[in-house]
Amino acid sequence: MTQLTGKVKELIIKARIVSFAEWEKTHPKTAIEIFQAADDAGRYLTDEDLQQIETLAPNNSKFIPLVKVLRGCVTEIVDEAREQVLTTYPDITQPGGGLYPQQRAAACWRDFWHFLRCISYGIAGEHSEYTSPTGLHYMKLLYEELQVPLDAMVVGLEGIKTASLKRCDADSAEALSPYFDHLITKMASFRDS
């Protein structure tokens, strides 16, 4: 695998796209610390985390059962999003394609896993605007540096949304849609600037 440059390694560290800065109005500090610890570890919220959050912030916890559903289906959701990308861009993993060689494609699918993780934090906390402008700025720079195919990433995020929402009833899907749209819009804006 190609060695990452110092610049890329630095951008990876700075490209933390979730921010809990605005959550103090709705969540006690202890609950925010649970979200932050999960984000710092790059992991999904555990059942124990979710139970504590529900206890600490009961007025902002109605989607926690749905977060558990999405977390339980993450592999299938990412697989379906990957299929959407490969169907839309059949040559993307071939020589000359934006996700060639295989390590580039693997990094992309890993990003899908992390995107759903970040979205799930927003859903669990009922904050549809859960991103950090600074973190997104560095992610944009990282994607530019690595020449990540942004159109394919947006298709992937749309695939994550479709695969996730089909696992919910109609009312829940409608309620959760803005959490996915938020990140799709932010990612799509990378192409325009």
N, C-alpha and C. Protein backbone atom coordinates (compact mmCIF):
# COMPACT_ATOMS: atom_id res chain seq x y z
N MET A 1 0.85 -1.19 0.00
CA MET A 1 0.00 0.00 0.00
C MET A 1 0.89 1.24 0.00
N THR A 2 0.43 2.27 -0.67
CA THR A 2 1.17 3.52 -0.75
C THR A 2 1.28 4.15 0.64
N GLN A 3 2.46 4.63 0.96
CA GLN A 3 2.66 5.30 2.25
C GLN A 3 1.96 6.65 2.24
N LEU A 4 1.32 6.99 3.35
CA LEU A 4 0.65 8.28 3.46
C LEU A 4 1.70 9.35 3.74
N THR A 5 1.55 10.49 3.10
CA THR A 5 2.48 11.60 3.32
C THR A 5 2.20 12.22 4.69
N GLY A 6 3.15 13.00 5.18
CA GLY A 6 2.97 13.71 6.44
C GLY A 6 1.76 14.62 6.39
N LYS A 7 1.57 15.27 5.23
CA LYS A 7 0.43 16.18 5.08
C LYS A 7 -0.89 15.41 5.22
N VAL A 8 -0.97 14.26 4.57
CA VAL A 8 -2.19 13.45 4.64
C VAL A 8 -2.45 12.98 6.07
N LYS A 9 -1.40 12.52 6.74
CA LYS A 9 -1.55 12.06 8.13
C LYS A 9 -2.06 13.20 9.02
N GLU A 10 -1.54 14.40 8.79
CA GLU A 10 -1.98 15.57 9.57
C GLU A 10 -3.44 15.90 9.28
N LEU A 11 -3.83 15.83 8.01
CA LEU A 11 -5.22 16.12 7.64
C LEU A 11 -6.18 15.08 8.22
N ILE A 12 -5.77 13.81 8.25
CA ILE A 12 -6.61 12.76 8.82
C ILE A 12 -6.93 13.08 10.27
N ILE A 13 -5.92 13.52 11.02
CA ILE A 13 -6.12 13.85 12.43
C ILE A 13 -7.09 15.02 12.59
N LYS A 14 -7.00 16.00 11.68
CA LYS A 14 -7.83 17.20 11.80
C LYS A 14 -9.23 17.03 11.21
N ALA A 15 -9.44 15.99 10.40
CA ALA A 15 -10.72 15.81 9.70
C ALA A 15 -11.74 15.10 10.58
N ARG A 16 -11.97 15.65 11.75
CA ARG A 16 -12.98 15.11 12.67
C ARG A 16 -14.28 15.86 12.39
N ILE A 17 -15.23 15.18 11.77
CA ILE A 17 -16.37 15.92 11.21
C ILE A 17 -17.53 16.12 12.18
N VAL A 18 -17.49 15.50 13.36
CA VAL A 18 -18.59 15.66 14.31
C VAL A 18 -18.21 16.72 15.35
N SER A 19 -19.20 17.52 15.72
CA SER A 19 -19.00 18.50 16.80
C SER A 19 -20.19 18.43 17.75
N PHE A 20 -19.87 18.40 19.04
CA PHE A 20 -20.92 18.38 20.07
C PHE A 20 -21.00 19.75 20.76
N ALA A 21 -20.37 20.76 20.18
CA ALA A 21 -20.27 22.08 20.81
C ALA A 21 -21.63 22.70 21.11
N GLU A 22 -22.60 22.48 20.25
CA GLU A 22 -23.93 23.10 20.42
C GLU A 22 -24.87 22.26 21.27
N TRP A 23 -24.42 21.12 21.72
CA TRP A 23 -25.30 20.18 22.39
C TRP A 23 -25.54 20.53 23.85
N GLU A 24 -24.80 21.47 24.39
CA GLU A 24 -24.94 21.82 25.81
C GLU A 24 -26.33 22.34 26.14
N LYS A 25 -27.05 22.84 25.13
CA LYS A 25 -28.41 23.35 25.35
C LYS A 25 -29.40 22.21 25.57
N THR A 26 -29.06 21.01 25.09
CA THR A 26 -30.00 19.89 25.15
C THR A 26 -29.51 18.69 25.95
N HIS A 27 -28.21 18.64 26.22
CA HIS A 27 -27.64 17.47 26.89
C HIS A 27 -26.73 17.89 28.04
N PRO A 28 -26.82 17.19 29.18
CA PRO A 28 -25.88 17.48 30.26
C PRO A 28 -24.45 17.09 29.83
N LYS A 29 -23.49 17.68 30.49
CA LYS A 29 -22.08 17.46 30.16
C LYS A 29 -21.74 15.96 30.16
N THR A 30 -22.28 15.22 31.10
CA THR A 30 -21.99 13.79 31.21
C THR A 30 -22.42 13.05 29.95
N ALA A 31 -23.58 13.40 29.39
CA ALA A 31 -24.06 12.75 28.17
C ALA A 31 -23.15 13.11 27.00
N ILE A 32 -22.76 14.36 26.90
CA ILE A 32 -21.88 14.79 25.81
C ILE A 32 -20.55 14.04 25.89
N GLU A 33 -20.07 13.81 27.10
CA GLU A 33 -18.81 13.07 27.28
C GLU A 33 -18.92 11.64 26.73
N ILE A 34 -20.10 11.04 26.83
CA ILE A 34 -20.31 9.69 26.29
C ILE A 34 -20.21 9.72 24.77
N PHE A 35 -20.88 10.69 24.16
CA PHE A 35 -20.78 10.84 22.70
C PHE A 35 -19.32 11.09 22.30
N GLN A 36 -18.67 11.99 23.02
CA GLN A 36 -17.29 12.37 22.67
C GLN A 36 -16.34 11.18 22.80
N ALA A 37 -16.52 10.39 23.84
CA ALA A 37 -15.67 9.21 24.03
C ALA A 37 -15.83 8.22 22.87
N ALA A 38 -17.07 8.03 22.43
CA ALA A 38 -17.32 7.13 21.29
C ALA A 38 -16.66 7.69 20.03
N ASP A 39 -16.80 9.00 19.81
CA ASP A 39 -16.20 9.61 18.62
C ASP A 39 -14.67 9.53 18.69
N ASP A 40 -14.12 9.80 19.87
CA ASP A 40 -12.65 9.73 20.03
C ASP A 40 -12.14 8.33 19.70
N ALA A 41 -12.92 7.32 20.05
CA ALA A 41 -12.52 5.93 19.80
C ALA A 41 -12.91 5.46 18.40
N GLY A 42 -13.65 6.30 17.66
CA GLY A 42 -14.09 5.92 16.31
C GLY A 42 -15.01 4.72 16.32
N ARG A 43 -15.93 4.69 17.30
CA ARG A 43 -16.82 3.54 17.43
C ARG A 43 -18.28 3.99 17.52
N TYR A 44 -19.15 3.05 17.26
CA TYR A 44 -20.58 3.29 17.44
C TYR A 44 -20.90 3.32 18.93
N LEU A 45 -21.99 3.95 19.29
CA LEU A 45 -22.46 3.96 20.68
C LEU A 45 -22.91 2.56 21.07
N THR A 46 -22.49 2.11 22.24
CA THR A 46 -22.88 0.79 22.74
C THR A 46 -24.28 0.86 23.37
N ASP A 47 -24.85 -0.30 23.66
CA ASP A 47 -26.14 -0.32 24.37
C ASP A 47 -26.02 0.41 25.71
N GLU A 48 -24.90 0.19 26.39
CA GLU A 48 -24.69 0.87 27.68
C GLU A 48 -24.62 2.39 27.49
N ASP A 49 -23.89 2.83 26.46
CA ASP A 49 -23.83 4.28 26.16
C ASP A 49 -25.23 4.83 25.94
N LEU A 50 -25.98 4.14 25.10
CA LEU A 50 -27.31 4.62 24.73
C LEU A 50 -28.25 4.65 25.93
N GLN A 51 -28.13 3.66 26.79
CA GLN A 51 -28.97 3.63 28.00
C GLN A 51 -28.63 4.81 28.90
N GLN A 52 -27.34 5.09 29.06
CA GLN A 52 -26.93 6.23 29.89
C GLN A 52 -27.42 7.54 29.28
N ILE A 53 -27.29 7.68 27.97
CA ILE A 53 -27.73 8.91 27.30
C ILE A 53 -29.23 9.10 27.48
N GLU A 54 -29.96 8.00 27.34
CA GLU A 54 -31.43 8.05 27.50
C GLU A 54 -31.80 8.49 28.93
N THR A 55 -31.06 8.00 29.91
CA THR A 55 -31.30 8.38 31.31
C THR A 55 -30.95 9.84 31.55
N LEU A 56 -29.84 10.29 30.96
CA LEU A 56 -29.34 11.66 31.18
C LEU A 56 -30.11 12.72 30.38
N ALA A 57 -30.60 12.34 29.20
CA ALA A 57 -31.30 13.30 28.33
C ALA A 57 -32.57 12.66 27.77
N PRO A 58 -33.54 12.36 28.64
CA PRO A 58 -34.74 11.63 28.18
C PRO A 58 -35.55 12.40 27.14
N ASN A 59 -35.47 13.72 27.14
CA ASN A 59 -36.24 14.51 26.18
C ASN A 59 -35.63 14.51 24.78
N ASN A 60 -34.43 13.99 24.65
CA ASN A 60 -33.76 13.97 23.35
C ASN A 60 -33.30 12.55 23.02
N SER A 61 -34.13 11.59 23.32
CA SER A 61 -33.72 10.19 23.16
C SER A 61 -34.71 9.33 22.38
N LYS A 62 -35.68 9.94 21.74
CA LYS A 62 -36.74 9.12 21.14
C LYS A 62 -36.25 8.25 19.98
N PHE A 63 -35.10 8.61 19.37
CA PHE A 63 -34.62 7.83 18.22
C PHE A 63 -33.61 6.74 18.61
N ILE A 64 -33.34 6.61 19.90
CA ILE A 64 -32.33 5.63 20.33
C ILE A 64 -32.65 4.21 19.85
N PRO A 65 -33.91 3.75 19.88
CA PRO A 65 -34.18 2.41 19.34
C PRO A 65 -33.78 2.29 17.86
N LEU A 66 -33.96 3.36 17.10
CA LEU A 66 -33.58 3.33 15.68
C LEU A 66 -32.06 3.32 15.51
N VAL A 67 -31.35 3.98 16.41
CA VAL A 67 -29.88 3.96 16.37
C VAL A 67 -29.40 2.52 16.55
N LYS A 68 -30.05 1.79 17.44
CA LYS A 68 -29.69 0.39 17.66
C LYS A 68 -29.94 -0.45 16.40
N VAL A 69 -31.05 -0.19 15.72
CA VAL A 69 -31.36 -0.91 14.48
C VAL A 69 -30.26 -0.64 13.44
N LEU A 70 -29.93 0.64 13.25
CA LEU A 70 -28.92 1.00 12.25
C LEU A 70 -27.56 0.40 12.60
N ARG A 71 -27.20 0.48 13.87
CA ARG A 71 -25.91 -0.08 14.31
C ARG A 71 -25.88 -1.59 14.05
N GLY A 72 -26.99 -2.25 14.28
CA GLY A 72 -27.06 -3.68 14.06
C GLY A 72 -27.01 -4.09 12.60
N CYS A 73 -27.29 -3.16 11.72
CA CYS A 73 -27.32 -3.44 10.27
C CYS A 73 -26.19 -2.74 9.52
N VAL A 74 -25.20 -2.22 10.24
CA VAL A 74 -24.19 -1.36 9.60
C VAL A 74 -23.48 -2.06 8.44
N THR A 75 -23.14 -3.33 8.60
CA THR A 75 -22.43 -4.05 7.54
C THR A 75 -23.29 -4.13 6.28
N GLU A 76 -24.55 -4.48 6.46
CA GLU A 76 -25.46 -4.58 5.31
C GLU A 76 -25.68 -3.21 4.67
N ILE A 77 -25.82 -2.19 5.50
CA ILE A 77 -26.04 -0.84 4.97
C ILE A 77 -24.85 -0.39 4.14
N VAL A 78 -23.64 -0.60 4.66
CA VAL A 78 -22.43 -0.22 3.92
C VAL A 78 -22.32 -1.05 2.63
N ASP A 79 -22.64 -2.33 2.71
CA ASP A 79 -22.59 -3.18 1.51
C ASP A 79 -23.56 -2.67 0.44
N GLU A 80 -24.75 -2.27 0.86
CA GLU A 80 -25.74 -1.77 -0.11
C GLU A 80 -25.29 -0.44 -0.70
N ALA A 81 -24.69 0.42 0.11
CA ALA A 81 -24.16 1.69 -0.40
C ALA A 81 -23.02 1.44 -1.39
N ARG A 82 -22.17 0.47 -1.06
CA ARG A 82 -21.06 0.12 -1.97
C ARG A 82 -21.61 -0.36 -3.30
N GLU A 83 -22.64 -1.22 -3.26
CA GLU A 83 -23.25 -1.72 -4.49
C GLU A 83 -23.80 -0.56 -5.33
N GLN A 84 -24.38 0.43 -4.66
CA GLN A 84 -24.92 1.60 -5.37
C GLN A 84 -23.80 2.33 -6.11
N VAL A 85 -22.66 2.50 -5.44
CA VAL A 85 -21.52 3.17 -6.08
C VAL A 85 -21.02 2.35 -7.27
N LEU A 86 -20.88 1.04 -7.06
CA LEU A 86 -20.34 0.19 -8.13
C LEU A 86 -21.31 0.07 -9.31
N THR A 87 -22.61 0.16 -9.03
CA THR A 87 -23.60 0.13 -10.12
C THR A 87 -23.56 1.45 -10.90
N THR A 88 -23.43 2.56 -10.16
CA THR A 88 -23.41 3.89 -10.80
C THR A 88 -22.10 4.13 -11.55
N TYR A 89 -20.99 3.63 -10.97
CA TYR A 89 -19.65 3.84 -11.56
C TYR A 89 -18.97 2.47 -11.70
N PRO A 90 -19.38 1.69 -12.71
CA PRO A 90 -18.89 0.31 -12.80
C PRO A 90 -17.38 0.17 -12.97
N ASP A 91 -16.71 1.19 -13.48
CA ASP A 91 -15.26 1.10 -13.72
C ASP A 91 -14.43 1.74 -12.61
N ILE A 92 -15.07 2.20 -11.54
CA ILE A 92 -14.38 3.00 -10.53
C ILE A 92 -13.27 2.23 -9.79
N THR A 93 -13.41 0.91 -9.70
CA THR A 93 -12.37 0.12 -9.00
C THR A 93 -11.40 -0.54 -9.98
N GLN A 94 -11.53 -0.22 -11.26
CA GLN A 94 -10.64 -0.76 -12.29
C GLN A 94 -9.44 0.17 -12.48
N PRO A 95 -8.35 -0.31 -13.09
CA PRO A 95 -7.21 0.58 -13.36
C PRO A 95 -7.68 1.86 -14.06
N GLY A 96 -7.24 3.00 -13.52
CA GLY A 96 -7.66 4.30 -14.04
C GLY A 96 -8.88 4.86 -13.35
N GLY A 97 -9.57 4.03 -12.57
CA GLY A 97 -10.76 4.48 -11.84
C GLY A 97 -10.38 5.18 -10.54
N GLY A 98 -11.29 5.98 -10.02
CA GLY A 98 -11.02 6.79 -8.82
C GLY A 98 -10.81 5.99 -7.55
N LEU A 99 -11.27 4.73 -7.54
CA LEU A 99 -11.08 3.89 -6.35
C LEU A 99 -10.19 2.69 -6.68
N TYR A 100 -9.18 2.94 -7.48
CA TYR A 100 -8.17 1.92 -7.79
C TYR A 100 -6.83 2.42 -7.27
N PRO A 101 -6.00 1.59 -6.66
CA PRO A 101 -6.13 0.16 -6.45
C PRO A 101 -7.08 -0.19 -5.30
N GLN A 102 -7.11 -1.46 -4.96
CA GLN A 102 -8.06 -2.00 -3.99
C GLN A 102 -8.00 -1.27 -2.65
N GLN A 103 -6.82 -0.81 -2.23
CA GLN A 103 -6.70 -0.11 -0.95
C GLN A 103 -7.51 1.18 -0.94
N ARG A 104 -7.58 1.85 -2.09
CA ARG A 104 -8.39 3.08 -2.18
C ARG A 104 -9.87 2.76 -2.00
N ALA A 105 -10.30 1.67 -2.63
CA ALA A 105 -11.71 1.27 -2.50
C ALA A 105 -12.00 0.89 -1.05
N ALA A 106 -11.09 0.14 -0.43
CA ALA A 106 -11.29 -0.27 0.97
C ALA A 106 -11.40 0.95 1.88
N ALA A 107 -10.58 1.98 1.63
CA ALA A 107 -10.65 3.20 2.43
C ALA A 107 -12.00 3.90 2.25
N CYS A 108 -12.51 3.87 1.04
CA CYS A 108 -13.81 4.49 0.75
C CYS A 108 -14.91 3.76 1.52
N TRP A 109 -14.92 2.43 1.47
CA TRP A 109 -15.96 1.68 2.17
C TRP A 109 -15.84 1.89 3.68
N ARG A 110 -14.61 2.03 4.17
CA ARG A 110 -14.39 2.30 5.59
C ARG A 110 -14.96 3.68 5.94
N ASP A 111 -14.80 4.65 5.04
CA ASP A 111 -15.40 5.97 5.27
C ASP A 111 -16.92 5.87 5.36
N PHE A 112 -17.54 5.02 4.55
CA PHE A 112 -18.99 4.85 4.62
C PHE A 112 -19.39 4.39 6.03
N TRP A 113 -18.62 3.44 6.58
CA TRP A 113 -18.88 2.93 7.93
C TRP A 113 -18.81 4.09 8.93
N HIS A 114 -17.80 4.94 8.78
CA HIS A 114 -17.63 6.08 9.69
C HIS A 114 -18.70 7.15 9.46
N PHE A 115 -19.11 7.35 8.21
CA PHE A 115 -20.18 8.33 7.96
C PHE A 115 -21.45 7.92 8.69
N LEU A 116 -21.81 6.64 8.60
CA LEU A 116 -23.02 6.19 9.29
C LEU A 116 -22.84 6.32 10.80
N ARG A 117 -21.64 6.06 11.29
CA ARG A 117 -21.35 6.24 12.72
C ARG A 117 -21.63 7.69 13.13
N CYS A 118 -21.11 8.64 12.36
CA CYS A 118 -21.31 10.07 12.68
C CYS A 118 -22.79 10.45 12.61
N ILE A 119 -23.47 9.96 11.58
CA ILE A 119 -24.91 10.24 11.44
C ILE A 119 -25.65 9.67 12.65
N SER A 120 -25.24 8.49 13.10
CA SER A 120 -25.94 7.85 14.23
C SER A 120 -25.80 8.67 15.51
N TYR A 121 -24.69 9.39 15.67
CA TYR A 121 -24.56 10.27 16.84
C TYR A 121 -25.61 11.37 16.78
N GLY A 122 -25.74 11.98 15.60
CA GLY A 122 -26.74 13.03 15.44
C GLY A 122 -28.14 12.53 15.74
N ILE A 123 -28.44 11.33 15.24
CA ILE A 123 -29.77 10.74 15.47
C ILE A 123 -29.96 10.46 16.96
N ALA A 124 -28.96 9.86 17.60
CA ALA A 124 -29.08 9.52 19.02
C ALA A 124 -29.29 10.75 19.88
N GLY A 125 -28.69 11.88 19.48
CA GLY A 125 -28.82 13.11 20.25
C GLY A 125 -29.89 14.05 19.74
N GLU A 126 -30.57 13.65 18.65
CA GLU A 126 -31.59 14.49 18.01
C GLU A 126 -31.04 15.86 17.61
N HIS A 127 -29.84 15.82 17.03
CA HIS A 127 -29.22 17.04 16.47
C HIS A 127 -28.92 16.77 15.01
N SER A 128 -29.73 17.33 14.12
CA SER A 128 -29.52 17.08 12.70
C SER A 128 -28.33 17.86 12.14
N GLU A 129 -27.87 18.89 12.87
CA GLU A 129 -26.69 19.65 12.47
C GLU A 129 -25.56 19.26 13.42
N TYR A 130 -24.93 18.16 13.12
CA TYR A 130 -23.96 17.56 14.05
C TYR A 130 -22.52 17.67 13.55
N THR A 131 -22.30 18.40 12.48
CA THR A 131 -20.95 18.44 11.93
C THR A 131 -20.17 19.67 12.38
N SER A 132 -18.87 19.54 12.29
CA SER A 132 -17.94 20.61 12.62
C SER A 132 -17.48 21.28 11.34
N PRO A 133 -17.73 22.58 11.16
CA PRO A 133 -17.24 23.25 9.95
C PRO A 133 -15.73 23.10 9.78
N THR A 134 -14.99 23.16 10.87
CA THR A 134 -13.53 23.02 10.80
C THR A 134 -13.15 21.61 10.37
N GLY A 135 -13.77 20.61 10.98
CA GLY A 135 -13.49 19.23 10.61
C GLY A 135 -13.83 18.94 9.16
N LEU A 136 -14.96 19.47 8.70
CA LEU A 136 -15.35 19.29 7.30
C LEU A 136 -14.36 19.98 6.36
N HIS A 137 -13.85 21.14 6.75
CA HIS A 137 -12.85 21.85 5.94
C HIS A 137 -11.62 20.96 5.75
N TYR A 138 -11.16 20.36 6.84
CA TYR A 138 -9.98 19.51 6.73
C TYR A 138 -10.28 18.22 5.96
N MET A 139 -11.51 17.73 6.07
CA MET A 139 -11.88 16.56 5.29
C MET A 139 -11.87 16.89 3.79
N LYS A 140 -12.37 18.05 3.46
CA LYS A 140 -12.35 18.49 2.05
C LYS A 140 -10.90 18.55 1.55
N LEU A 141 -10.01 19.14 2.35
CA LEU A 141 -8.60 19.21 1.96
C LEU A 141 -7.99 17.82 1.83
N LEU A 142 -8.36 16.93 2.76
CA LEU A 142 -7.87 15.55 2.72
C LEU A 142 -8.34 14.86 1.44
N TYR A 143 -9.61 15.01 1.11
CA TYR A 143 -10.14 14.37 -0.09
C TYR A 143 -9.52 14.95 -1.35
N GLU A 144 -9.25 16.26 -1.34
CA GLU A 144 -8.56 16.86 -2.48
C GLU A 144 -7.15 16.28 -2.61
N GLU A 145 -6.44 16.19 -1.50
CA GLU A 145 -5.07 15.67 -1.49
C GLU A 145 -5.02 14.23 -1.99
N LEU A 146 -6.00 13.43 -1.59
CA LEU A 146 -6.04 12.02 -1.98
C LEU A 146 -6.78 11.79 -3.29
N GLN A 147 -7.31 12.87 -3.86
CA GLN A 147 -8.08 12.79 -5.12
C GLN A 147 -9.23 11.78 -5.01
N VAL A 148 -9.96 11.90 -3.91
CA VAL A 148 -11.13 11.04 -3.69
C VAL A 148 -12.23 11.45 -4.66
N PRO A 149 -12.86 10.50 -5.35
CA PRO A 149 -13.95 10.84 -6.29
C PRO A 149 -15.21 11.27 -5.53
N LEU A 150 -15.41 12.58 -5.46
CA LEU A 150 -16.50 13.13 -4.63
C LEU A 150 -17.87 12.69 -5.12
N ASP A 151 -18.06 12.62 -6.43
CA ASP A 151 -19.37 12.19 -6.94
C ASP A 151 -19.72 10.80 -6.41
N ALA A 152 -18.74 9.92 -6.39
CA ALA A 152 -18.98 8.56 -5.90
C ALA A 152 -19.26 8.57 -4.40
N MET A 153 -18.58 9.44 -3.66
CA MET A 153 -18.82 9.51 -2.21
C MET A 153 -20.24 9.99 -1.93
N VAL A 154 -20.71 10.96 -2.70
CA VAL A 154 -22.08 11.46 -2.52
C VAL A 154 -23.09 10.35 -2.86
N VAL A 155 -22.84 9.63 -3.94
CA VAL A 155 -23.70 8.50 -4.28
C VAL A 155 -23.70 7.48 -3.14
N GLY A 156 -22.53 7.26 -2.54
CA GLY A 156 -22.42 6.34 -1.42
C GLY A 156 -23.23 6.81 -0.22
N LEU A 157 -23.14 8.10 0.08
CA LEU A 157 -23.93 8.64 1.19
C LEU A 157 -25.43 8.52 0.91
N GLU A 158 -25.82 8.77 -0.33
CA GLU A 158 -27.23 8.60 -0.68
C GLU A 158 -27.64 7.14 -0.54
N GLY A 159 -26.71 6.23 -0.87
CA GLY A 159 -26.96 4.80 -0.70
C GLY A 159 -27.09 4.43 0.77
N ILE A 160 -26.26 5.04 1.63
CA ILE A 160 -26.35 4.82 3.07
C ILE A 160 -27.72 5.26 3.57
N LYS A 161 -28.17 6.42 3.08
CA LYS A 161 -29.49 6.93 3.48
C LYS A 161 -30.59 5.96 3.06
N THR A 162 -30.58 5.55 1.81
CA THR A 162 -31.61 4.65 1.29
C THR A 162 -31.62 3.33 2.06
N ALA A 163 -30.43 2.75 2.23
CA ALA A 163 -30.33 1.46 2.92
C ALA A 163 -30.74 1.57 4.38
N SER A 164 -30.43 2.70 5.01
CA SER A 164 -30.79 2.89 6.42
C SER A 164 -32.29 3.09 6.59
N LEU A 165 -32.85 3.98 5.77
CA LEU A 165 -34.26 4.35 5.96
C LEU A 165 -35.21 3.22 5.60
N LYS A 166 -34.79 2.31 4.73
CA LYS A 166 -35.68 1.19 4.40
C LYS A 166 -35.80 0.21 5.57
N ARG A 167 -34.95 0.39 6.58
CA ARG A 167 -35.01 -0.45 7.76
C ARG A 167 -35.88 0.18 8.86
N CYS A 168 -36.53 1.29 8.52
CA CYS A 168 -37.40 2.00 9.47
C CYS A 168 -38.81 2.05 8.90
N ASP A 169 -39.80 2.28 9.78
CA ASP A 169 -41.16 2.50 9.27
C ASP A 169 -41.21 3.88 8.61
N ALA A 170 -42.28 4.16 7.89
CA ALA A 170 -42.37 5.37 7.08
C ALA A 170 -42.22 6.65 7.91
N ASP A 171 -42.88 6.70 9.06
CA ASP A 171 -42.80 7.90 9.90
C ASP A 171 -41.38 8.12 10.41
N SER A 172 -40.74 7.04 10.86
CA SER A 172 -39.36 7.15 11.35
C SER A 172 -38.43 7.55 10.22
N ALA A 173 -38.62 6.97 9.04
CA ALA A 173 -37.77 7.29 7.89
C ALA A 173 -37.85 8.78 7.57
N GLU A 174 -39.06 9.32 7.62
CA GLU A 174 -39.24 10.75 7.35
C GLU A 174 -38.54 11.60 8.41
N ALA A 175 -38.64 11.17 9.66
CA ALA A 175 -38.02 11.92 10.76
C ALA A 175 -36.50 11.86 10.70
N LEU A 176 -35.95 10.74 10.24
CA LEU A 176 -34.50 10.57 10.21
C LEU A 176 -33.85 11.15 8.95
N SER A 177 -34.62 11.35 7.92
CA SER A 177 -34.08 11.82 6.64
C SER A 177 -33.15 13.05 6.76
N PRO A 178 -33.51 14.07 7.56
CA PRO A 178 -32.65 15.26 7.64
C PRO A 178 -31.24 14.98 8.17
N TYR A 179 -31.08 13.94 8.98
CA TYR A 179 -29.76 13.61 9.53
C TYR A 179 -28.83 13.13 8.42
N PHE A 180 -29.37 12.38 7.49
CA PHE A 180 -28.60 11.91 6.33
C PHE A 180 -28.39 13.06 5.34
N ASP A 181 -29.46 13.82 5.11
CA ASP A 181 -29.37 14.93 4.14
C ASP A 181 -28.32 15.96 4.56
N HIS A 182 -28.18 16.15 5.86
CA HIS A 182 -27.19 17.13 6.35
C HIS A 182 -25.80 16.77 5.84
N LEU A 183 -25.38 15.52 6.02
CA LEU A 183 -24.03 15.13 5.60
C LEU A 183 -23.92 15.05 4.08
N ILE A 184 -24.98 14.60 3.42
CA ILE A 184 -24.98 14.56 1.95
C ILE A 184 -24.76 15.97 1.39
N THR A 185 -25.48 16.94 1.94
CA THR A 185 -25.35 18.33 1.49
C THR A 185 -23.94 18.86 1.73
N LYS A 186 -23.39 18.57 2.91
CA LYS A 186 -22.03 19.04 3.23
C LYS A 186 -21.01 18.41 2.27
N MET A 187 -21.13 17.12 2.02
CA MET A 187 -20.20 16.43 1.12
C MET A 187 -20.36 16.94 -0.31
N ALA A 188 -21.61 17.13 -0.74
CA ALA A 188 -21.85 17.63 -2.10
C ALA A 188 -21.24 19.01 -2.28
N SER A 189 -21.20 19.81 -1.21
CA SER A 189 -20.65 21.16 -1.30
C SER A 189 -19.13 21.15 -1.53
N PHE A 190 -18.47 20.03 -1.23
CA PHE A 190 -17.04 19.92 -1.52
C PHE A 190 -16.77 20.09 -3.00
N ARG A 191 -17.71 19.63 -3.84
CA ARG A 191 -17.52 19.70 -5.30
C ARG A 191 -17.66 21.11 -5.82
N ASP A 192 -18.43 21.93 -5.08
CA ASP A 192 -18.79 23.26 -5.58
C ASP A 192 -17.81 24.34 -5.16
N SER A 193 -16.91 24.01 -4.23
CA SER A 193 -16.04 25.09 -3.73
C SER A 193 -14.58 24.81 -4.08
